[in-house]
Amino acid sequence: LVERYPDPDDRRGVIVRLTAEGKTAVDGAFPALLRAELGLLADLPPAERHELADLLRRLLAPFA
């Protein structure tokens, strides 16, 4: 499902990419993931969903 290549800029690193089969697997699993996430959030009122989204955005900002 993945291909690994040596990083040309850093001999310690490895570049990992999805193969075509890997992309197909991810695409097939994505709808179920979204349904599961909606199920997890179903009991949160809208204001708390927005608060959670804002907090997650702040948490992940350094990685963007």
PDB file of N, CA and C in Angstrom:
ATOM      1  N   LEU A   1       0.812  -1.206   0.000  1.00  0.00           N
ATOM      2  CA  LEU A   1       0.000   0.000   0.000  1.00  0.00           C
ATOM      3  C   LEU A   1       0.854   1.269   0.000  1.00  0.00           C
ATOM      4  N   VAL A   2       2.130   1.140   0.379  1.00  0.00           N
ATOM      5  CA  VAL A   2       3.030   2.292   0.390  1.00  0.00           C
ATOM      6  C   VAL A   2       4.336   1.939  -0.303  1.00  0.00           C
ATOM      7  N   GLU A   3       5.005   2.987  -0.782  1.00  0.00           N
ATOM      8  CA  GLU A   3       6.344   2.855  -1.349  1.00  0.00           C
ATOM      9  C   GLU A   3       7.274   3.687  -0.480  1.00  0.00           C
ATOM     10  N   ARG A   4       8.478   3.196  -0.272  1.00  0.00           N
ATOM     11  CA  ARG A   4       9.474   3.914   0.527  1.00  0.00           C
ATOM     12  C   ARG A   4      10.688   4.204  -0.346  1.00  0.00           C
ATOM     13  N   TYR A   5      11.156   5.463  -0.246  1.00  0.00           N
ATOM     14  CA  TYR A   5      12.332   5.882  -1.004  1.00  0.00           C
ATOM     15  C   TYR A   5      13.298   6.590  -0.064  1.00  0.00           C
ATOM     16  N   PRO A   6      14.592   6.450  -0.300  1.00  0.00           N
ATOM     17  CA  PRO A   6      15.536   7.214   0.519  1.00  0.00           C
ATOM     18  C   PRO A   6      15.352   8.716   0.257  1.00  0.00           C
ATOM     19  N   ASP A   7      15.450   9.503   1.298  1.00  0.00           N
ATOM     20  CA  ASP A   7      15.354  10.954   1.161  1.00  0.00           C
ATOM     21  C   ASP A   7      16.654  11.459   0.542  1.00  0.00           C
ATOM     22  N   PRO A   8      16.604  12.101  -0.624  1.00  0.00           N
ATOM     23  CA  PRO A   8      17.837  12.552  -1.261  1.00  0.00           C
ATOM     24  C   PRO A   8      18.543  13.677  -0.503  1.00  0.00           C
ATOM     25  N   ASP A   9      17.803  14.356   0.392  1.00  0.00           N
ATOM     26  CA  ASP A   9      18.387  15.473   1.140  1.00  0.00           C
ATOM     27  C   ASP A   9      18.869  15.084   2.530  1.00  0.00           C
ATOM     28  N   ASP A  10      18.502  13.909   2.993  1.00  0.00           N
ATOM     29  CA  ASP A  10      18.859  13.487   4.348  1.00  0.00           C
ATOM     30  C   ASP A  10      18.939  11.973   4.365  1.00  0.00           C
ATOM     31  N   ARG A  11      20.139  11.426   4.410  1.00  0.00           N
ATOM     32  CA  ARG A  11      20.317   9.969   4.324  1.00  0.00           C
ATOM     33  C   ARG A  11      19.649   9.219   5.469  1.00  0.00           C
ATOM     34  N   ARG A  12      19.320   9.908   6.546  1.00  0.00           N
ATOM     35  CA  ARG A  12      18.634   9.245   7.662  1.00  0.00           C
ATOM     36  C   ARG A  12      17.146   9.094   7.398  1.00  0.00           C
ATOM     37  N   GLY A  13      16.605   9.866   6.463  1.00  0.00           N
ATOM     38  CA  GLY A  13      15.167   9.915   6.251  1.00  0.00           C
ATOM     39  C   GLY A  13      14.682   8.993   5.147  1.00  0.00           C
ATOM     40  N   VAL A  14      13.395   8.787   5.150  1.00  0.00           N
ATOM     41  CA  VAL A  14      12.729   7.968   4.143  1.00  0.00           C
ATOM     42  C   VAL A  14      11.484   8.724   3.689  1.00  0.00           C
ATOM     43  N   ILE A  15      11.240   8.751   2.407  1.00  0.00           N
ATOM     44  CA  ILE A  15      10.018   9.327   1.859  1.00  0.00           C
ATOM     45  C   ILE A  15       9.031   8.182   1.646  1.00  0.00           C
ATOM     46  N   VAL A  16       7.838   8.356   2.151  1.00  0.00           N
ATOM     47  CA  VAL A  16       6.813   7.319   2.048  1.00  0.00           C
ATOM     48  C   VAL A  16       5.645   7.881   1.249  1.00  0.00           C
ATOM     49  N   ARG A  17       5.202   7.136   0.244  1.00  0.00           N
ATOM     50  CA  ARG A  17       4.074   7.541  -0.598  1.00  0.00           C
ATOM     51  C   ARG A  17       3.097   6.393  -0.732  1.00  0.00           C
ATOM     52  N   LEU A  18       1.830   6.746  -0.866  1.00  0.00           N
ATOM     53  CA  LEU A  18       0.820   5.734  -1.136  1.00  0.00           C
ATOM     54  C   LEU A  18       0.961   5.240  -2.575  1.00  0.00           C
ATOM     55  N   THR A  19       0.787   3.949  -2.758  1.00  0.00           N
ATOM     56  CA  THR A  19       0.692   3.390  -4.105  1.00  0.00           C
ATOM     57  C   THR A  19      -0.719   3.633  -4.619  1.00  0.00           C
ATOM     58  N   ALA A  20      -0.974   3.305  -5.872  1.00  0.00           N
ATOM     59  CA  ALA A  20      -2.332   3.418  -6.410  1.00  0.00           C
ATOM     60  C   ALA A  20      -3.294   2.558  -5.593  1.00  0.00           C
ATOM     61  N   GLU A  21      -2.852   1.379  -5.217  1.00  0.00           N
ATOM     62  CA  GLU A  21      -3.689   0.497  -4.384  1.00  0.00           C
ATOM     63  C   GLU A  21      -3.919   1.118  -3.006  1.00  0.00           C
ATOM     64  N   GLY A  22      -2.911   1.758  -2.459  1.00  0.00           N
ATOM     65  CA  GLY A  22      -3.055   2.434  -1.174  1.00  0.00           C
ATOM     66  C   GLY A  22      -4.051   3.577  -1.244  1.00  0.00           C
ATOM     67  N   LYS A  23      -3.985   4.363  -2.332  1.00  0.00           N
ATOM     68  CA  LYS A  23      -4.944   5.458  -2.512  1.00  0.00           C
ATOM     69  C   LYS A  23      -6.365   4.924  -2.614  1.00  0.00           C
ATOM     70  N   THR A  24      -6.531   3.822  -3.321  1.00  0.00           N
ATOM     71  CA  THR A  24      -7.855   3.206  -3.445  1.00  0.00           C
ATOM     72  C   THR A  24      -8.366   2.759  -2.076  1.00  0.00           C
ATOM     73  N   ALA A  25      -7.480   2.174  -1.271  1.00  0.00           N
ATOM     74  CA  ALA A  25      -7.876   1.723   0.072  1.00  0.00           C
ATOM     75  C   ALA A  25      -8.298   2.899   0.942  1.00  0.00           C
ATOM     76  N   VAL A  26      -7.539   3.994   0.884  1.00  0.00           N
ATOM     77  CA  VAL A  26      -7.888   5.182   1.668  1.00  0.00           C
ATOM     78  C   VAL A  26      -9.215   5.752   1.198  1.00  0.00           C
ATOM     79  N   ASP A  27      -9.378   5.876  -0.116  1.00  0.00           N
ATOM     80  CA  ASP A  27     -10.637   6.399  -0.652  1.00  0.00           C
ATOM     81  C   ASP A  27     -11.826   5.537  -0.230  1.00  0.00           C
ATOM     82  N   GLY A  28     -11.634   4.227  -0.171  1.00  0.00           N
ATOM     83  CA  GLY A  28     -12.712   3.331   0.231  1.00  0.00           C
ATOM     84  C   GLY A  28     -13.042   3.426   1.711  1.00  0.00           C
ATOM     85  N   ALA A  29     -12.026   3.733   2.541  1.00  0.00           N
ATOM     86  CA  ALA A  29     -12.235   3.792   3.989  1.00  0.00           C
ATOM     87  C   ALA A  29     -12.731   5.162   4.452  1.00  0.00           C
ATOM     88  N   PHE A  30     -12.538   6.179   3.643  1.00  0.00           N
ATOM     89  CA  PHE A  30     -12.840   7.543   4.069  1.00  0.00           C
ATOM     90  C   PHE A  30     -14.302   7.774   4.454  1.00  0.00           C
ATOM     91  N   PRO A  31     -15.279   7.307   3.680  1.00  0.00           N
ATOM     92  CA  PRO A  31     -16.680   7.524   4.089  1.00  0.00           C
ATOM     93  C   PRO A  31     -16.998   6.921   5.467  1.00  0.00           C
ATOM     94  N   ALA A  32     -16.453   5.753   5.768  1.00  0.00           N
ATOM     95  CA  ALA A  32     -16.694   5.141   7.080  1.00  0.00           C
ATOM     96  C   ALA A  32     -16.048   5.973   8.189  1.00  0.00           C
ATOM     97  N   LEU A  33     -14.878   6.527   7.915  1.00  0.00           N
ATOM     98  CA  LEU A  33     -14.217   7.391   8.892  1.00  0.00           C
ATOM     99  C   LEU A  33     -15.071   8.621   9.177  1.00  0.00           C
ATOM    100  N   LEU A  34     -15.599   9.244   8.141  1.00  0.00           N
ATOM    101  CA  LEU A  34     -16.445  10.419   8.337  1.00  0.00           C
ATOM    102  C   LEU A  34     -17.709  10.084   9.131  1.00  0.00           C
ATOM    103  N   ARG A  35     -18.314   8.940   8.839  1.00  0.00           N
ATOM    104  CA  ARG A  35     -19.503   8.518   9.611  1.00  0.00           C
ATOM    105  C   ARG A  35     -19.146   8.304  11.077  1.00  0.00           C
ATOM    106  N   ALA A  36     -17.998   7.694  11.335  1.00  0.00           N
ATOM    107  CA  ALA A  36     -17.569   7.454  12.716  1.00  0.00           C
ATOM    108  C   ALA A  36     -17.323   8.776  13.440  1.00  0.00           C
ATOM    109  N   GLU A  37     -16.687   9.724  12.765  1.00  0.00           N
ATOM    110  CA  GLU A  37     -16.440  11.025  13.385  1.00  0.00           C
ATOM    111  C   GLU A  37     -17.744  11.755  13.689  1.00  0.00           C
ATOM    112  N   LEU A  38     -18.694  11.695  12.767  1.00  0.00           N
ATOM    113  CA  LEU A  38     -19.995  12.315  13.023  1.00  0.00           C
ATOM    114  C   LEU A  38     -20.671  11.671  14.226  1.00  0.00           C
ATOM    115  N   GLY A  39     -20.528  10.361  14.357  1.00  0.00           N
ATOM    116  CA  GLY A  39     -21.092   9.672  15.514  1.00  0.00           C
ATOM    117  C   GLY A  39     -20.466  10.136  16.814  1.00  0.00           C
ATOM    118  N   LEU A  40     -19.153  10.368  16.804  1.00  0.00           N
ATOM    119  CA  LEU A  40     -18.469  10.850  18.004  1.00  0.00           C
ATOM    120  C   LEU A  40     -18.930  12.250  18.397  1.00  0.00           C
ATOM    121  N   LEU A  41     -19.248  13.060  17.404  1.00  0.00           N
ATOM    122  CA  LEU A  41     -19.625  14.449  17.665  1.00  0.00           C
ATOM    123  C   LEU A  41     -21.122  14.643  17.853  1.00  0.00           C
ATOM    124  N   ALA A  42     -21.901  13.622  17.616  1.00  0.00           N
ATOM    125  CA  ALA A  42     -23.358  13.749  17.594  1.00  0.00           C
ATOM    126  C   ALA A  42     -23.934  14.324  18.885  1.00  0.00           C
ATOM    127  N   ASP A  43     -23.360  14.005  20.025  1.00  0.00           N
ATOM    128  CA  ASP A  43     -23.918  14.451  21.297  1.00  0.00           C
ATOM    129  C   ASP A  43     -23.435  15.838  21.714  1.00  0.00           C
ATOM    130  N   LEU A  44     -22.495  16.412  20.970  1.00  0.00           N
ATOM    131  CA  LEU A  44     -22.021  17.749  21.323  1.00  0.00           C
ATOM    132  C   LEU A  44     -22.938  18.803  20.714  1.00  0.00           C
ATOM    133  N   PRO A  45     -23.322  19.775  21.520  1.00  0.00           N
ATOM    134  CA  PRO A  45     -24.106  20.885  20.952  1.00  0.00           C
ATOM    135  C   PRO A  45     -23.239  21.681  19.965  1.00  0.00           C
ATOM    136  N   PRO A  46     -23.866  22.396  19.041  1.00  0.00           N
ATOM    137  CA  PRO A  46     -23.103  23.133  18.029  1.00  0.00           C
ATOM    138  C   PRO A  46     -22.017  24.043  18.598  1.00  0.00           C
ATOM    139  N   ALA A  47     -22.297  24.735  19.684  1.00  0.00           N
ATOM    140  CA  ALA A  47     -21.297  25.642  20.263  1.00  0.00           C
ATOM    141  C   ALA A  47     -20.055  24.874  20.703  1.00  0.00           C
ATOM    142  N   GLU A  48     -20.232  23.698  21.266  1.00  0.00           N
ATOM    143  CA  GLU A  48     -19.091  22.893  21.702  1.00  0.00           C
ATOM    144  C   GLU A  48     -18.347  22.296  20.508  1.00  0.00           C
ATOM    145  N   ARG A  49     -19.061  21.986  19.426  1.00  0.00           N
ATOM    146  CA  ARG A  49     -18.394  21.513  18.214  1.00  0.00           C
ATOM    147  C   ARG A  49     -17.481  22.600  17.655  1.00  0.00           C
ATOM    148  N   HIS A  50     -17.990  23.834  17.645  1.00  0.00           N
ATOM    149  CA  HIS A  50     -17.174  24.955  17.158  1.00  0.00           C
ATOM    150  C   HIS A  50     -15.969  25.185  18.063  1.00  0.00           C
ATOM    151  N   GLU A  51     -16.178  25.082  19.362  1.00  0.00           N
ATOM    152  CA  GLU A  51     -15.077  25.255  20.306  1.00  0.00           C
ATOM    153  C   GLU A  51     -14.014  24.170  20.089  1.00  0.00           C
ATOM    154  N   LEU A  52     -14.453  22.933  19.909  1.00  0.00           N
ATOM    155  CA  LEU A  52     -13.535  21.835  19.654  1.00  0.00           C
ATOM    156  C   LEU A  52     -12.756  22.072  18.359  1.00  0.00           C
ATOM    157  N   ALA A  53     -13.455  22.501  17.314  1.00  0.00           N
ATOM    158  CA  ALA A  53     -12.796  22.771  16.039  1.00  0.00           C
ATOM    159  C   ALA A  53     -11.741  23.860  16.192  1.00  0.00           C
ATOM    160  N   ASP A  54     -12.066  24.915  16.934  1.00  0.00           N
ATOM    161  CA  ASP A  54     -11.098  25.992  17.156  1.00  0.00           C
ATOM    162  C   ASP A  54      -9.873  25.498  17.926  1.00  0.00           C
ATOM    163  N   LEU A  55     -10.108  24.701  18.947  1.00  0.00           N
ATOM    164  CA  LEU A  55      -8.995  24.166  19.734  1.00  0.00           C
ATOM    165  C   LEU A  55      -8.102  23.242  18.896  1.00  0.00           C
ATOM    166  N   LEU A  56      -8.718  22.397  18.091  1.00  0.00           N
ATOM    167  CA  LEU A  56      -7.933  21.499  17.242  1.00  0.00           C
ATOM    168  C   LEU A  56      -7.144  22.283  16.198  1.00  0.00           C
ATOM    169  N   ARG A  57      -7.745  23.336  15.656  1.00  0.00           N
ATOM    170  CA  ARG A  57      -7.055  24.185  14.686  1.00  0.00           C
ATOM    171  C   ARG A  57      -5.804  24.811  15.321  1.00  0.00           C
ATOM    172  N   ARG A  58      -5.948  25.325  16.551  1.00  0.00           N
ATOM    173  CA  ARG A  58      -4.795  25.908  17.262  1.00  0.00           C
ATOM    174  C   ARG A  58      -3.733  24.853  17.544  1.00  0.00           C
ATOM    175  N   LEU A  59      -4.163  23.676  17.927  1.00  0.00           N
ATOM    176  CA  LEU A  59      -3.228  22.601  18.241  1.00  0.00           C
ATOM    177  C   LEU A  59      -2.429  22.182  17.009  1.00  0.00           C
ATOM    178  N   LEU A  60      -3.081  22.135  15.848  1.00  0.00           N
ATOM    179  CA  LEU A  60      -2.430  21.652  14.633  1.00  0.00           C
ATOM    180  C   LEU A  60      -1.753  22.747  13.823  1.00  0.00           C
ATOM    181  N   ALA A  61      -1.952  24.011  14.153  1.00  0.00           N
ATOM    182  CA  ALA A  61      -1.395  25.124  13.382  1.00  0.00           C
ATOM    183  C   ALA A  61       0.114  25.012  13.165  1.00  0.00           C
ATOM    184  N   PRO A  62       0.896  24.606  14.166  1.00  0.00           N
ATOM    185  CA  PRO A  62       2.346  24.532  13.917  1.00  0.00           C
ATOM    186  C   PRO A  62       2.748  23.500  12.867  1.00  0.00           C
ATOM    187  N   PHE A  63       1.868  22.575  12.545  1.00  0.00           N
ATOM    188  CA  PHE A  63       2.191  21.525  11.588  1.00  0.00           C
ATOM    189  C   PHE A  63       1.745  21.852  10.178  1.00  0.00           C
ATOM    190  N   ALA A  64       1.056  22.979  10.014  1.00  0.00           N
ATOM    191  CA  ALA A  64       0.532  23.343   8.683  1.00  0.00           C
ATOM    192  C   ALA A  64       1.583  24.003   7.813  1.00  0.00           C
TER     193      ALA A  64
END
